């Protein structure tokens, strides 16, 4: 009974704190605000020397077909309507729907031997982001939170990590401290919303509210001393710094030249990649860009499904890689493209491909990676992995290693359980430079 009362009291305090923060600031910029008080501090440490200081993580949610993108099987029933085209590396071909990326193959390290155990979207996405299976008793951190927490921020005024796209059911910072939480950007064209105070809230009034909330905090903190309360205070101060930062302009892609915006493409993935590049320039550690609608159970080869999606991806990622190279950012930025699982070799009666966890493809490019190679292979139909089996945990361990994160170090959650950044995953050494 006492335990239940404590939980109820704790929830009440969290609700009060969240309400106070929103009222005092006059905005709701705090990302994942309702979960801030659930964070538990872990002892951080400086990352080991790594080559990647930043990560742009492109998530193709919905399960992108490996057979129609990076692992084509031309001339077979499994290959469908997709043919293969040569790339900038002799002997390596990819699907004909990605002609621009074919020219970028010398910059990519392609994994054709990804495999996982689940064909359920939500569970597979969670596993890909966190390296752990989804369970009800704990929420695990995603890679962006790990990089922010362990390596530290490079810009004290901007979030350490940002999620562009749907933040619905995103694991966020998990059990890591609140300052590791990602800032959510639903629409890259709009940018970070609610960063301007309402017109009725003048600067003097804003300062008055800050003084008042400080007085409220003083009494509350003395009555309920806890790490959660300290997290709240730190989070509040961080939100105020963000509101006043001149670097907020990084979230506004309209500041780019029209020619640059056109190069990336006037679509969600292009705008998301452009925003990611702008944030990396301002030293944000990790930017995840979600690009969905790859769940093609019906009419996969219709113009609005695979063909349109692939063309937009092709344009956006090519522009991103070219931009990172031209600006000298590629030497410290790792670009990752992932999806949660693959799709079946059979075309179903509805003209689509169904879920297939046994084999799929991903790629890495940029800092810390040996480019111009293919890791692993599938069989002649793309059904099973024949060589170089790589689990999501192995991919995440490879990303972590490229960033210099300690993949073998144990971190302890609030429940006292030890965790690793990528669970039991092992870095793919042949991919690392």
Protein backbone atom coordinates (compact mmCIF):
# COMPACT_ATOMS: atom_id res chain seq x y z
CA UNK A 1 0.00 0.00 0.00
CA UNK A 2 2.80 2.40 0.92
CA UNK A 3 4.51 1.62 -2.37
CA UNK A 4 1.35 2.50 -4.30
CA UNK A 5 1.01 5.77 -2.38
CA UNK A 6 4.61 6.68 -3.12
CA UNK A 7 4.04 6.05 -6.83
CA UNK A 8 0.90 8.16 -6.84
CA UNK A 9 2.67 10.96 -5.01
CA UNK A 10 5.57 10.75 -7.45
CA UNK A 11 3.22 11.02 -10.43
CA UNK A 12 1.54 14.06 -8.89
CA UNK A 13 4.89 15.77 -8.45
CA UNK A 14 5.83 15.06 -12.05
CA UNK A 15 2.58 16.51 -13.32
CA UNK A 16 3.08 19.64 -11.19
CA UNK A 17 6.65 20.11 -12.39
CA UNK A 18 5.72 19.74 -16.04
CA UNK A 19 2.86 22.20 -15.65
CA UNK A 20 5.09 24.73 -13.89
CA UNK A 21 7.72 24.52 -16.62
CA UNK A 22 5.20 25.10 -19.42
CA UNK A 23 3.50 27.95 -17.57
CA UNK A 24 6.69 29.71 -16.63
CA UNK A 25 8.29 29.50 -20.05
CA UNK A 26 5.16 30.28 -22.02
CA UNK A 27 6.27 27.62 -24.51
CA UNK A 28 6.43 23.85 -24.77
CA UNK A 29 9.86 23.32 -26.27
CA UNK A 30 10.82 20.67 -23.70
CA UNK A 31 11.16 17.41 -25.65
CA UNK A 32 9.45 14.37 -24.16
CA UNK A 33 8.56 16.61 -21.16
CA UNK A 34 6.24 14.14 -19.50
CA UNK A 35 9.06 11.60 -19.29
CA UNK A 36 11.83 13.85 -18.00
CA UNK A 37 11.27 12.90 -14.37
CA UNK A 38 11.61 9.21 -15.25
CA UNK A 39 15.30 9.63 -16.19
CA UNK A 40 17.94 8.27 -13.90
CA UNK A 41 21.49 9.60 -13.93
CA UNK A 42 24.37 7.35 -14.92
CA UNK A 43 28.02 8.14 -14.49
CA UNK A 44 29.34 9.39 -17.83
CA UNK A 45 32.84 9.31 -19.17
CA UNK A 46 34.67 10.79 -22.12
CA UNK A 47 34.51 8.63 -25.20
CA UNK A 48 37.61 6.89 -26.41
CA UNK A 49 39.26 8.49 -29.39
CA UNK A 50 36.96 7.87 -32.35
CA UNK A 51 36.81 9.20 -35.89
CA UNK A 52 33.08 10.03 -36.00
CA UNK A 53 32.08 13.04 -33.92
CA UNK A 54 28.57 13.19 -35.38
CA UNK A 55 26.03 10.73 -36.75
CA UNK A 56 23.24 11.24 -39.29
CA UNK A 57 20.99 8.21 -38.90
CA UNK A 58 18.48 7.67 -41.72
CA UNK A 59 15.67 5.31 -40.71
CA UNK A 60 13.61 3.80 -43.54
CA UNK A 61 10.62 2.84 -41.40
CA UNK A 62 8.14 0.33 -42.75
CA UNK A 63 10.78 -2.19 -43.90
CA UNK A 64 12.47 -1.22 -47.17
CA UNK A 65 12.82 -4.04 -49.69
CA UNK A 66 16.45 -5.15 -49.96
CA UNK A 67 15.64 -6.95 -53.22
CA UNK A 68 14.58 -3.70 -54.88
CA UNK A 69 17.32 -1.45 -53.50
CA UNK A 70 20.73 -2.68 -52.35
CA UNK A 71 20.57 -6.45 -52.97
CA UNK A 72 18.86 -6.99 -56.35
CA UNK A 73 18.37 -10.42 -57.87
CA UNK A 74 17.83 -9.59 -61.56
CA UNK A 75 16.48 -12.21 -63.91
CA UNK A 76 14.91 -14.25 -61.12
CA UNK A 77 11.34 -14.55 -59.93
CA UNK A 78 12.45 -13.12 -56.57
CA UNK A 79 13.89 -10.05 -58.29
CA UNK A 80 10.51 -8.81 -59.48
CA UNK A 81 10.60 -5.84 -61.82
CA UNK A 82 13.87 -4.50 -60.40
CA UNK A 83 17.00 -4.79 -62.50
CA UNK A 84 20.61 -4.25 -61.46
CA UNK A 85 22.86 -1.35 -62.46
CA UNK A 86 26.61 -1.00 -62.16
CA UNK A 87 28.10 1.24 -59.50
CA UNK A 88 31.28 3.26 -59.18
CA UNK A 89 32.96 0.13 -57.80
CA UNK A 90 33.48 -2.56 -60.48
CA UNK A 91 31.69 -5.79 -59.65
CA UNK A 92 29.16 -4.20 -57.30
CA UNK A 93 25.62 -3.60 -58.53
CA UNK A 94 22.53 -2.20 -56.84
CA UNK A 95 18.88 -1.77 -57.87
CA UNK A 96 18.04 0.36 -60.88
CA UNK A 97 15.80 2.62 -58.77
CA UNK A 98 18.90 4.18 -57.15
CA UNK A 99 20.99 5.47 -60.08
CA UNK A 100 22.51 8.42 -58.15
CA UNK A 101 23.58 6.31 -55.19
CA UNK A 102 25.12 3.82 -57.63
CA UNK A 103 27.62 6.57 -58.43
CA UNK A 104 28.26 7.02 -54.69
CA UNK A 105 29.20 3.37 -54.04
CA UNK A 106 32.85 4.31 -53.56
CA UNK A 107 31.66 6.25 -50.48
CA UNK A 108 29.48 3.47 -49.03
CA UNK A 109 30.09 0.38 -46.93
CA UNK A 110 27.09 -1.81 -47.73
CA UNK A 111 25.87 -4.64 -45.50
CA UNK A 112 23.77 -7.23 -47.35
CA UNK A 113 23.68 -9.74 -44.50
CA UNK A 114 21.52 -8.05 -41.88
CA UNK A 115 19.14 -10.42 -40.10
CA UNK A 116 16.73 -10.20 -37.20
CA UNK A 117 14.23 -12.38 -35.35
CA UNK A 118 11.03 -10.36 -35.44
CA UNK A 119 8.74 -9.41 -38.30
CA UNK A 120 6.64 -7.03 -36.19
CA UNK A 121 7.32 -3.38 -37.02
CA UNK A 122 7.21 -1.84 -33.55
CA UNK A 123 9.39 -4.47 -31.91
CA UNK A 124 11.87 -4.56 -34.80
CA UNK A 125 12.19 -0.76 -34.88
CA UNK A 126 12.80 -0.67 -31.13
CA UNK A 127 15.46 -3.38 -31.43
CA UNK A 128 17.19 -1.54 -34.27
CA UNK A 129 17.29 1.73 -32.32
CA UNK A 130 18.29 0.33 -28.93
CA UNK A 131 19.87 -3.13 -29.47
CA UNK A 132 17.42 -4.56 -26.93
CA UNK A 133 14.08 -6.33 -27.14
CA UNK A 134 11.08 -4.30 -26.10
CA UNK A 135 9.89 -5.20 -22.60
CA UNK A 136 7.44 -3.50 -20.29
CA UNK A 137 9.72 -3.04 -17.30
CA UNK A 138 12.32 -0.72 -18.82
CA UNK A 139 12.89 1.68 -21.70
CA UNK A 140 16.35 1.46 -23.28
CA UNK A 141 18.25 4.46 -24.73
CA UNK A 142 18.65 4.91 -28.46
CA UNK A 143 22.09 5.50 -29.97
CA UNK A 144 21.71 9.29 -30.11
CA UNK A 145 21.23 9.44 -26.35
CA UNK A 146 24.26 7.22 -25.81
CA UNK A 147 26.48 9.42 -27.97
CA UNK A 148 25.27 12.56 -26.18
CA UNK A 149 25.66 11.02 -22.73
CA UNK A 150 29.07 9.40 -23.17
CA UNK A 151 30.83 11.72 -25.62
CA UNK A 152 29.20 14.91 -24.33
CA UNK A 153 27.73 17.82 -26.22
CA UNK A 154 29.72 19.93 -28.63
CA UNK A 155 27.25 22.81 -28.52
CA UNK A 156 26.04 23.63 -25.01
CA UNK A 157 23.02 25.58 -26.27
CA UNK A 158 21.54 23.06 -28.70
CA UNK A 159 20.22 19.56 -27.96
CA UNK A 160 22.79 16.80 -28.17
CA UNK A 161 20.48 14.77 -30.39
CA UNK A 162 17.45 15.46 -32.57
CA UNK A 163 14.78 13.17 -34.03
CA UNK A 164 13.28 14.39 -37.33
CA UNK A 165 9.96 12.73 -38.12
CA UNK A 166 7.54 10.85 -35.93
CA UNK A 167 8.63 10.66 -32.29
CA UNK A 168 5.67 8.43 -31.47
CA UNK A 169 6.84 5.59 -29.21
CA UNK A 170 10.46 6.55 -29.75
CA UNK A 171 12.62 5.19 -26.91
CA UNK A 172 14.38 8.53 -26.50
CA UNK A 173 16.95 8.68 -23.71
CA UNK A 174 15.54 5.64 -21.92
CA UNK A 175 17.06 5.38 -18.45
CA UNK A 176 19.80 7.93 -19.19
CA UNK A 177 19.66 11.47 -17.72
CA UNK A 178 17.21 14.03 -19.02
CA UNK A 179 19.94 16.04 -20.74
CA UNK A 180 20.42 13.12 -23.14
CA UNK A 181 16.85 13.37 -24.45
CA UNK A 182 16.36 14.10 -28.17
CA UNK A 183 14.54 17.20 -29.36
CA UNK A 184 11.64 16.18 -31.64
CA UNK A 185 11.09 17.88 -35.00
CA UNK A 186 7.89 16.58 -36.59
CA UNK A 187 8.26 18.47 -39.88
CA UNK A 188 11.71 19.51 -41.13
CA UNK A 189 10.18 22.35 -43.14
CA UNK A 190 8.68 23.81 -39.95
CA UNK A 191 11.68 23.10 -37.75
CA UNK A 192 11.67 23.12 -33.96
CA UNK A 193 8.25 24.38 -32.94
CA UNK A 194 7.17 26.53 -29.99
CA UNK A 195 10.52 28.25 -29.58
CA UNK A 196 9.06 31.74 -29.64
CA UNK A 197 7.23 33.07 -26.57
CA UNK A 198 3.66 34.30 -27.15
CA UNK A 199 3.26 37.92 -28.14
CA UNK A 200 1.73 38.82 -24.80
CA UNK A 201 4.83 37.59 -22.93
CA UNK A 202 7.35 40.46 -22.92
CA UNK A 203 10.99 40.05 -21.94
CA UNK A 204 10.49 41.65 -18.52
CA UNK A 205 7.49 39.43 -17.87
CA UNK A 206 9.52 36.40 -18.91
CA UNK A 207 12.26 37.30 -16.41
CA UNK A 208 9.65 37.81 -13.72
CA UNK A 209 8.28 34.34 -14.38
CA UNK A 210 11.77 32.92 -14.14
CA UNK A 211 12.24 34.51 -10.74
CA UNK A 212 8.88 33.21 -9.57
CA UNK A 213 9.54 29.68 -10.71
CA UNK A 214 12.91 29.84 -8.94
CA UNK A 215 11.09 30.67 -5.71
CA UNK A 216 8.64 27.81 -6.28
CA UNK A 217 11.57 25.49 -6.93
CA UNK A 218 13.35 26.48 -3.73
CA UNK A 219 10.47 25.32 -1.56
CA UNK A 220 9.76 22.26 -3.66
CA UNK A 221 13.40 21.18 -3.71
CA UNK A 222 13.74 21.48 0.06
CA UNK A 223 10.58 19.42 0.56
CA UNK A 224 11.34 16.80 -2.09
CA UNK A 225 15.12 16.57 -2.43
CA UNK A 226 15.94 14.13 -5.23
CA UNK A 227 17.94 13.62 -8.37
CA UNK A 228 14.68 13.95 -10.31
CA UNK A 229 14.22 17.46 -8.96
CA UNK A 230 17.76 18.38 -10.00
CA UNK A 231 17.05 16.95 -13.47
CA UNK A 232 14.01 19.20 -13.69
CA UNK A 233 15.96 22.31 -12.74
CA UNK A 234 18.73 21.51 -15.21
CA UNK A 235 16.19 20.79 -17.94
CA UNK A 236 14.43 24.09 -17.28
CA UNK A 237 17.69 26.04 -17.52
CA UNK A 238 18.56 24.21 -20.73
CA UNK A 239 15.21 25.14 -22.28
CA UNK A 240 15.80 28.81 -21.45
CA UNK A 241 19.29 28.69 -23.00
CA UNK A 242 17.86 27.11 -26.14
CA UNK A 243 15.19 29.80 -26.48
CA UNK A 244 17.82 32.52 -26.35
CA UNK A 245 20.44 30.81 -28.52
CA UNK A 246 21.36 32.38 -31.88
CA UNK A 247 22.06 28.85 -33.10
CA UNK A 248 18.32 28.14 -33.20
CA UNK A 249 18.52 29.35 -36.79
CA UNK A 250 20.04 25.95 -37.62
CA UNK A 251 16.51 24.50 -37.42
CA UNK A 252 15.29 26.81 -40.21
CA UNK A 253 16.06 25.26 -43.60
CA UNK A 254 14.49 28.24 -45.37
CA UNK A 255 17.76 30.07 -44.67
CA UNK A 256 19.48 27.86 -47.25
CA UNK A 257 19.88 28.98 -50.85
CA UNK A 258 17.07 27.81 -53.11
CA UNK A 259 19.56 25.87 -55.25
CA UNK A 260 20.65 23.88 -52.19
CA UNK A 261 17.08 23.15 -51.13
CA UNK A 262 16.29 22.01 -54.68
CA UNK A 263 19.34 19.74 -54.72
CA UNK A 264 18.05 17.87 -51.66
CA UNK A 265 14.48 17.78 -52.98
CA UNK A 266 11.19 19.31 -51.89
CA UNK A 267 10.09 16.22 -49.97
CA UNK A 268 10.30 15.00 -46.39
CA UNK A 269 13.48 12.96 -46.66
CA UNK A 270 15.27 15.68 -48.64
CA UNK A 271 14.25 18.38 -46.18
CA UNK A 272 15.15 16.09 -43.29
CA UNK A 273 18.64 15.43 -44.69
CA UNK A 274 19.19 19.15 -45.25
CA UNK A 275 18.12 19.90 -41.68
CA UNK A 276 20.46 17.18 -40.44
CA UNK A 277 23.39 18.75 -42.26
CA UNK A 278 22.57 22.19 -40.80
CA UNK A 279 22.40 20.76 -37.29
CA UNK A 280 25.68 18.88 -37.70
CA UNK A 281 27.29 22.15 -38.77
CA UNK A 282 26.19 23.60 -35.43
CA UNK A 283 27.74 20.62 -33.62
CA UNK A 284 24.63 18.63 -32.76
CA UNK A 285 25.96 15.14 -32.06
CA UNK A 286 23.27 12.88 -33.52
CA UNK A 287 20.39 13.52 -35.93
CA UNK A 288 17.92 10.78 -36.78
CA UNK A 289 15.81 11.33 -39.90
CA UNK A 290 12.83 9.05 -40.29
CA UNK A 291 11.50 8.34 -43.79
CA UNK A 292 8.45 6.07 -43.70
CA UNK A 293 5.90 4.38 -45.95
CA UNK A 294 8.10 1.47 -47.06
CA UNK A 295 5.51 -1.14 -45.99
CA UNK A 296 4.62 -2.17 -49.52
CA UNK A 297 2.25 -5.13 -49.18
CA UNK A 298 0.31 -3.89 -52.21
CA UNK A 299 1.46 -2.83 -55.68
CA UNK A 300 5.08 -2.34 -54.69
CA UNK A 301 6.06 -1.18 -58.20
CA UNK A 302 3.39 1.50 -58.48
CA UNK A 303 4.71 5.01 -59.01
CA UNK A 304 3.66 6.20 -55.55
CA UNK A 305 5.22 3.27 -53.68
CA UNK A 306 8.72 1.91 -54.29
CA UNK A 307 9.53 4.03 -57.34
CA UNK A 308 8.67 7.38 -55.76
CA UNK A 309 10.19 6.47 -52.38
CA UNK A 310 13.42 5.27 -53.99
CA UNK A 311 13.74 8.36 -56.19
CA UNK A 312 13.34 10.69 -53.20
CA UNK A 313 15.82 8.68 -51.13
CA UNK A 314 18.27 8.58 -54.03
CA UNK A 315 18.19 12.36 -54.46
CA UNK A 316 18.31 13.22 -50.75
CA UNK A 317 21.16 10.95 -49.69
CA UNK A 318 23.25 11.80 -52.74
CA UNK A 319 22.85 15.52 -52.01
CA UNK A 320 23.71 14.91 -48.36
CA UNK A 321 26.90 13.00 -49.13
CA UNK A 322 27.98 15.57 -51.72
CA UNK A 323 27.26 18.41 -49.31
CA UNK A 324 29.14 16.80 -46.43
CA UNK A 325 32.14 16.26 -48.70
CA UNK A 326 32.12 19.79 -50.12
CA UNK A 327 31.91 21.33 -46.65
CA UNK A 328 34.62 19.11 -45.18
CA UNK A 329 32.17 17.55 -42.71
CA UNK A 330 32.38 13.96 -43.95
CA UNK A 331 35.70 13.42 -42.15
CA UNK A 332 33.93 13.70 -38.80
CA UNK A 333 30.37 12.62 -39.69
CA UNK A 334 29.07 9.06 -39.96
CA UNK A 335 26.02 8.57 -42.19
CA UNK A 336 23.95 5.46 -41.51
CA UNK A 337 20.95 4.13 -43.46
CA UNK A 338 18.87 1.41 -41.81
CA UNK A 339 15.48 -0.28 -41.93
CA UNK A 340 13.85 -2.70 -39.48
CA UNK A 341 13.76 -5.83 -41.69
CA UNK A 342 13.48 -6.90 -45.32
CA UNK A 343 10.71 -8.11 -47.60
CA UNK A 344 9.83 -11.48 -49.07
CA UNK A 345 11.31 -12.85 -52.30
CA UNK A 346 7.79 -13.74 -53.41
CA UNK A 347 5.51 -11.12 -54.90
CA UNK A 348 2.17 -11.70 -53.16
CA UNK A 349 -1.26 -11.82 -54.90
CA UNK A 350 -1.66 -8.08 -54.24
CA UNK A 351 1.49 -7.26 -56.18
CA UNK A 352 3.51 -6.45 -53.06
CA UNK A 353 6.11 -8.00 -50.78
CA UNK A 354 5.42 -9.07 -47.20
CA UNK A 355 7.55 -8.92 -44.04
CA UNK A 356 10.81 -10.85 -44.09
CA UNK A 357 13.18 -10.58 -41.09
CA UNK A 358 15.71 -13.19 -42.26
CA UNK A 359 17.61 -10.85 -44.60
CA UNK A 360 17.89 -7.14 -45.33
CA UNK A 361 20.42 -4.41 -46.16
CA UNK A 362 21.89 -1.29 -44.54
CA UNK A 363 24.86 0.96 -45.24
CA UNK A 364 27.39 3.21 -43.52
CA UNK A 365 29.39 6.06 -45.03
CA UNK A 366 31.79 8.70 -43.83
CA UNK A 367 33.95 8.97 -40.73
CA UNK A 368 35.40 5.78 -39.33
CA UNK A 369 34.26 3.55 -42.20
CA UNK A 370 36.10 1.67 -44.95
CA UNK A 371 34.07 2.62 -47.99
CA UNK A 372 33.61 0.95 -51.38
CA UNK A 373 32.85 -2.53 -50.11
CA UNK A 374 30.04 -5.00 -49.55
CA UNK A 375 29.82 -7.00 -46.33
CA UNK A 376 28.06 -10.37 -46.41
CA UNK A 377 25.77 -11.95 -48.97
CA UNK A 378 22.36 -13.55 -49.32
CA UNK A 379 21.39 -16.60 -51.34
CA UNK A 380 20.22 -16.45 -54.95
CA UNK A 381 16.70 -15.44 -53.94
CA UNK A 382 17.57 -13.01 -51.15
CA UNK A 383 15.71 -15.19 -48.69
CA UNK A 384 18.52 -16.11 -46.32
CA UNK A 385 21.95 -14.83 -45.35
CA UNK A 386 24.73 -17.07 -46.62
CA UNK A 387 27.74 -15.22 -45.27
CA UNK A 388 28.53 -12.47 -42.75
CA UNK A 389 25.42 -12.67 -40.55
CA UNK A 390 24.93 -9.28 -38.84
CA UNK A 391 22.34 -8.59 -36.16
CA UNK A 392 21.01 -5.12 -35.30
CA UNK A 393 23.21 -5.29 -32.19
CA UNK A 394 26.28 -5.82 -34.38
CA UNK A 395 25.39 -2.85 -36.56
CA UNK A 396 24.91 -0.65 -33.50
CA UNK A 397 28.18 -1.86 -32.00
CA UNK A 398 29.89 -0.92 -35.28
CA UNK A 399 28.36 2.57 -35.19
CA UNK A 400 29.35 2.98 -31.54
CA UNK A 401 32.91 1.82 -32.26
CA UNK A 402 33.21 4.24 -35.17
CA UNK A 403 32.26 7.00 -32.71
CA UNK A 404 34.75 5.81 -30.11
CA UNK A 405 32.10 4.73 -27.62
CA UNK A 406 33.00 1.99 -25.10
CA UNK A 407 31.00 -0.96 -26.41
CA UNK A 408 32.26 -3.31 -23.67
CA UNK A 409 31.69 -1.00 -20.72
CA UNK A 410 28.75 -1.77 -18.42
CA UNK A 411 26.27 0.95 -17.46
CA UNK A 412 23.83 0.47 -14.60
CA UNK A 413 20.16 1.43 -14.80
CA UNK A 414 18.04 2.65 -11.90
CA UNK A 415 16.97 -0.93 -11.28
CA UNK A 416 20.60 -1.90 -10.71
CA UNK A 417 20.82 -3.95 -13.88
CA UNK A 418 23.95 -3.76 -16.04
CA UNK A 419 23.59 -2.85 -19.71
CA UNK A 420 25.93 -2.40 -22.67
CA UNK A 421 25.48 0.24 -25.37
CA UNK A 422 24.82 -2.41 -28.04
CA UNK A 423 23.89 -5.35 -25.82
CA UNK A 424 26.04 -8.32 -26.89
CA UNK A 425 26.69 -6.93 -30.37
CA UNK A 426 30.20 -7.09 -31.81
CA UNK A 427 31.60 -4.40 -34.15
CA UNK A 428 32.06 -5.50 -37.75
CA UNK A 429 35.81 -4.93 -37.81
CA UNK A 430 36.13 -5.11 -41.60
CA UNK A 431 33.92 -2.03 -41.89
CA UNK A 432 35.99 0.15 -39.54
CA UNK A 433 38.91 2.22 -40.73
